[in-house]
Amino acid sequence: MASGHPVDGESPEFYLDLARRPREAHRRANALPPDARIPAVRRLLGITEAVKRDPVRAFERVDLTLLPLPPQVEDPPTR
């Protein structure tokens, strides 16, 4: 895991990371071309919903979703 802490679902750091990483994934997905962005955002929305039921599994799914996304992108302009 890239977070550096155990994925236990109990530590405060776990939940802070769980809040940060989907935001990062959405930011990175928004930098993709539309044909790749739409499916990536749909996956991320499903993961966001899954956090309510199974945060540990959702954390692991975020890891898998982050892998194919571009590593660093600039913040998009605000709307």
N, C-alpha and C. Protein backbone atom coordinates (compact mmCIF):
# COMPACT_ATOMS: atom_id res chain seq x y z
N MET A 1 0.82 -1.17 0.00
CA MET A 1 0.00 0.00 0.00
C MET A 1 0.87 1.25 0.00
N ALA A 2 0.46 2.22 -0.73
CA ALA A 2 1.25 3.44 -0.86
C ALA A 2 1.14 4.35 0.35
N SER A 3 0.21 4.11 1.22
CA SER A 3 -0.06 5.03 2.31
C SER A 3 0.98 4.98 3.42
N GLY A 4 1.63 3.85 3.64
CA GLY A 4 2.62 3.74 4.68
C GLY A 4 2.06 3.38 6.04
N HIS A 5 0.79 3.09 6.12
CA HIS A 5 0.19 2.65 7.37
C HIS A 5 -0.65 1.42 7.10
N PRO A 6 -0.93 0.64 8.13
CA PRO A 6 -1.73 -0.57 7.90
C PRO A 6 -3.14 -0.22 7.47
N VAL A 7 -3.69 -1.04 6.60
CA VAL A 7 -5.06 -0.86 6.15
C VAL A 7 -5.94 -1.64 7.12
N ASP A 8 -6.23 -1.01 8.25
CA ASP A 8 -6.96 -1.71 9.29
C ASP A 8 -8.37 -1.19 9.49
N GLY A 9 -8.67 -0.02 9.00
CA GLY A 9 -10.01 0.52 9.18
C GLY A 9 -10.26 1.06 10.56
N GLU A 10 -9.23 1.16 11.38
CA GLU A 10 -9.42 1.62 12.75
C GLU A 10 -8.63 2.88 13.07
N SER A 11 -7.46 3.08 12.48
CA SER A 11 -6.62 4.21 12.86
C SER A 11 -7.14 5.51 12.22
N PRO A 12 -6.95 6.63 12.92
CA PRO A 12 -7.36 7.92 12.34
C PRO A 12 -6.64 8.21 11.02
N GLU A 13 -5.37 7.78 10.93
CA GLU A 13 -4.61 8.01 9.71
C GLU A 13 -5.24 7.30 8.51
N PHE A 14 -5.80 6.13 8.77
CA PHE A 14 -6.47 5.38 7.71
C PHE A 14 -7.59 6.22 7.11
N TYR A 15 -8.42 6.82 7.97
CA TYR A 15 -9.56 7.59 7.47
C TYR A 15 -9.13 8.91 6.84
N LEU A 16 -8.07 9.51 7.35
CA LEU A 16 -7.56 10.71 6.69
C LEU A 16 -7.06 10.38 5.29
N ASP A 17 -6.37 9.27 5.18
CA ASP A 17 -5.88 8.83 3.88
C ASP A 17 -7.04 8.43 2.97
N LEU A 18 -8.03 7.79 3.53
CA LEU A 18 -9.20 7.38 2.75
C LEU A 18 -9.95 8.60 2.22
N ALA A 19 -9.92 9.69 2.93
CA ALA A 19 -10.55 10.92 2.44
C ALA A 19 -9.70 11.60 1.37
N ARG A 20 -8.38 11.55 1.53
CA ARG A 20 -7.49 12.24 0.61
C ARG A 20 -7.34 11.53 -0.73
N ARG A 21 -7.20 10.22 -0.69
CA ARG A 21 -6.86 9.48 -1.91
C ARG A 21 -7.94 9.50 -2.98
N PRO A 22 -9.22 9.34 -2.66
CA PRO A 22 -10.23 9.48 -3.73
C PRO A 22 -10.25 10.88 -4.34
N ARG A 23 -10.03 11.91 -3.52
CA ARG A 23 -9.95 13.27 -4.08
C ARG A 23 -8.81 13.36 -5.08
N GLU A 24 -7.67 12.79 -4.71
CA GLU A 24 -6.52 12.78 -5.61
C GLU A 24 -6.85 12.00 -6.89
N ALA A 25 -7.51 10.87 -6.73
CA ALA A 25 -7.87 10.06 -7.91
C ALA A 25 -8.82 10.82 -8.82
N HIS A 26 -9.80 11.51 -8.26
CA HIS A 26 -10.73 12.30 -9.08
C HIS A 26 -9.98 13.41 -9.80
N ARG A 27 -9.06 14.05 -9.12
CA ARG A 27 -8.28 15.12 -9.74
C ARG A 27 -7.47 14.59 -10.91
N ARG A 28 -6.86 13.43 -10.70
CA ARG A 28 -6.06 12.83 -11.77
C ARG A 28 -6.93 12.33 -12.91
N ALA A 29 -8.10 11.78 -12.59
CA ALA A 29 -9.01 11.29 -13.63
C ALA A 29 -9.53 12.44 -14.49
N ASN A 30 -9.74 13.60 -13.89
CA ASN A 30 -10.24 14.75 -14.64
C ASN A 30 -9.25 15.24 -15.69
N ALA A 31 -7.99 14.85 -15.57
CA ALA A 31 -6.98 15.25 -16.55
C ALA A 31 -6.97 14.33 -17.78
N LEU A 32 -7.71 13.24 -17.72
CA LEU A 32 -7.75 12.29 -18.84
C LEU A 32 -8.61 12.82 -19.97
N PRO A 33 -8.40 12.32 -21.19
CA PRO A 33 -9.30 12.66 -22.29
C PRO A 33 -10.71 12.10 -21.99
N PRO A 34 -11.74 12.71 -22.56
CA PRO A 34 -13.12 12.32 -22.22
C PRO A 34 -13.41 10.82 -22.34
N ASP A 35 -12.87 10.16 -23.35
CA ASP A 35 -13.18 8.74 -23.53
C ASP A 35 -12.62 7.87 -22.40
N ALA A 36 -11.57 8.32 -21.74
CA ALA A 36 -11.01 7.59 -20.60
C ALA A 36 -11.50 8.16 -19.27
N ARG A 37 -11.79 9.46 -19.25
CA ARG A 37 -12.19 10.13 -18.02
C ARG A 37 -13.54 9.62 -17.51
N ILE A 38 -14.51 9.48 -18.38
CA ILE A 38 -15.86 9.12 -17.95
C ILE A 38 -15.88 7.76 -17.25
N PRO A 39 -15.29 6.70 -17.81
CA PRO A 39 -15.28 5.43 -17.09
C PRO A 39 -14.51 5.49 -15.77
N ALA A 40 -13.41 6.26 -15.75
CA ALA A 40 -12.62 6.37 -14.51
C ALA A 40 -13.42 7.06 -13.42
N VAL A 41 -14.12 8.13 -13.78
CA VAL A 41 -14.93 8.85 -12.79
C VAL A 41 -16.08 7.97 -12.31
N ARG A 42 -16.67 7.21 -13.20
CA ARG A 42 -17.75 6.29 -12.78
C ARG A 42 -17.23 5.26 -11.77
N ARG A 43 -16.05 4.71 -12.02
CA ARG A 43 -15.45 3.77 -11.06
C ARG A 43 -15.22 4.44 -9.71
N LEU A 44 -14.72 5.65 -9.76
CA LEU A 44 -14.44 6.38 -8.52
C LEU A 44 -15.72 6.72 -7.75
N LEU A 45 -16.79 7.02 -8.46
CA LEU A 45 -18.06 7.27 -7.78
C LEU A 45 -18.55 6.01 -7.08
N GLY A 46 -18.36 4.86 -7.71
CA GLY A 46 -18.72 3.59 -7.08
C GLY A 46 -17.90 3.32 -5.84
N ILE A 47 -16.62 3.66 -5.92
CA ILE A 47 -15.73 3.48 -4.76
C ILE A 47 -16.16 4.42 -3.63
N THR A 48 -16.49 5.65 -3.98
CA THR A 48 -16.93 6.61 -2.97
C THR A 48 -18.17 6.10 -2.25
N GLU A 49 -19.08 5.51 -2.97
CA GLU A 49 -20.28 4.93 -2.36
C GLU A 49 -19.92 3.73 -1.49
N ALA A 50 -18.98 2.93 -1.92
CA ALA A 50 -18.58 1.73 -1.18
C ALA A 50 -17.90 2.05 0.15
N VAL A 51 -17.35 3.24 0.28
CA VAL A 51 -16.68 3.63 1.52
C VAL A 51 -17.64 3.52 2.70
N LYS A 52 -18.91 3.80 2.47
CA LYS A 52 -19.90 3.76 3.54
C LYS A 52 -20.10 2.33 4.07
N ARG A 53 -19.99 1.35 3.20
CA ARG A 53 -20.26 -0.03 3.59
C ARG A 53 -19.00 -0.79 4.00
N ASP A 54 -17.91 -0.59 3.29
CA ASP A 54 -16.69 -1.35 3.54
C ASP A 54 -15.47 -0.47 3.25
N PRO A 55 -15.06 0.34 4.22
CA PRO A 55 -13.97 1.27 3.97
C PRO A 55 -12.65 0.60 3.60
N VAL A 56 -12.35 -0.55 4.19
CA VAL A 56 -11.08 -1.21 3.90
C VAL A 56 -11.05 -1.66 2.44
N ARG A 57 -12.11 -2.28 1.98
CA ARG A 57 -12.17 -2.73 0.58
C ARG A 57 -12.14 -1.52 -0.37
N ALA A 58 -12.84 -0.46 -0.01
CA ALA A 58 -12.84 0.74 -0.85
C ALA A 58 -11.44 1.32 -0.95
N PHE A 59 -10.69 1.30 0.16
CA PHE A 59 -9.32 1.79 0.16
C PHE A 59 -8.49 1.00 -0.84
N GLU A 60 -8.66 -0.31 -0.83
CA GLU A 60 -7.91 -1.16 -1.76
C GLU A 60 -8.33 -0.89 -3.21
N ARG A 61 -9.61 -0.63 -3.43
CA ARG A 61 -10.08 -0.33 -4.78
C ARG A 61 -9.52 1.00 -5.28
N VAL A 62 -9.34 1.96 -4.37
CA VAL A 62 -8.73 3.23 -4.78
C VAL A 62 -7.32 2.97 -5.27
N ASP A 63 -6.58 2.11 -4.56
CA ASP A 63 -5.23 1.76 -5.00
C ASP A 63 -5.23 1.25 -6.43
N LEU A 64 -6.13 0.33 -6.74
CA LEU A 64 -6.19 -0.24 -8.08
C LEU A 64 -6.60 0.79 -9.12
N THR A 65 -7.43 1.73 -8.74
CA THR A 65 -7.88 2.76 -9.68
C THR A 65 -6.78 3.78 -9.93
N LEU A 66 -5.96 4.05 -8.92
CA LEU A 66 -4.89 5.05 -9.08
C LEU A 66 -3.78 4.57 -10.01
N LEU A 67 -3.56 3.26 -10.08
CA LEU A 67 -2.43 2.73 -10.86
C LEU A 67 -2.39 3.22 -12.31
N PRO A 68 -3.48 3.14 -13.08
CA PRO A 68 -3.39 3.54 -14.49
C PRO A 68 -3.52 5.05 -14.73
N LEU A 69 -3.83 5.82 -13.70
CA LEU A 69 -4.02 7.25 -13.90
C LEU A 69 -2.67 7.96 -13.97
N PRO A 70 -2.62 9.10 -14.68
CA PRO A 70 -1.37 9.84 -14.75
C PRO A 70 -0.90 10.21 -13.34
N PRO A 71 0.41 10.15 -13.10
CA PRO A 71 0.91 10.32 -11.73
C PRO A 71 0.67 11.70 -11.13
N GLN A 72 0.96 12.74 -11.82
CA GLN A 72 0.80 14.08 -11.29
C GLN A 72 0.15 14.96 -12.33
N VAL A 73 -0.84 15.71 -11.90
CA VAL A 73 -1.49 16.66 -12.79
C VAL A 73 -1.64 17.97 -12.05
N GLU A 74 -1.73 19.04 -12.80
CA GLU A 74 -1.96 20.35 -12.18
C GLU A 74 -3.41 20.43 -11.78
N ASP A 75 -3.68 21.23 -10.77
CA ASP A 75 -5.07 21.43 -10.36
C ASP A 75 -5.85 22.07 -11.49
N PRO A 76 -7.03 21.51 -11.79
CA PRO A 76 -7.83 22.11 -12.85
C PRO A 76 -8.38 23.48 -12.40
N PRO A 77 -8.69 24.33 -13.34
CA PRO A 77 -9.25 25.63 -12.95
C PRO A 77 -10.60 25.44 -12.28
N THR A 78 -10.91 26.32 -11.36
CA THR A 78 -12.23 26.24 -10.70
C THR A 78 -13.29 26.71 -11.66
N ARG A 79 -14.46 26.21 -11.47
CA ARG A 79 -15.56 26.55 -12.40
C ARG A 79 -16.35 27.72 -11.90
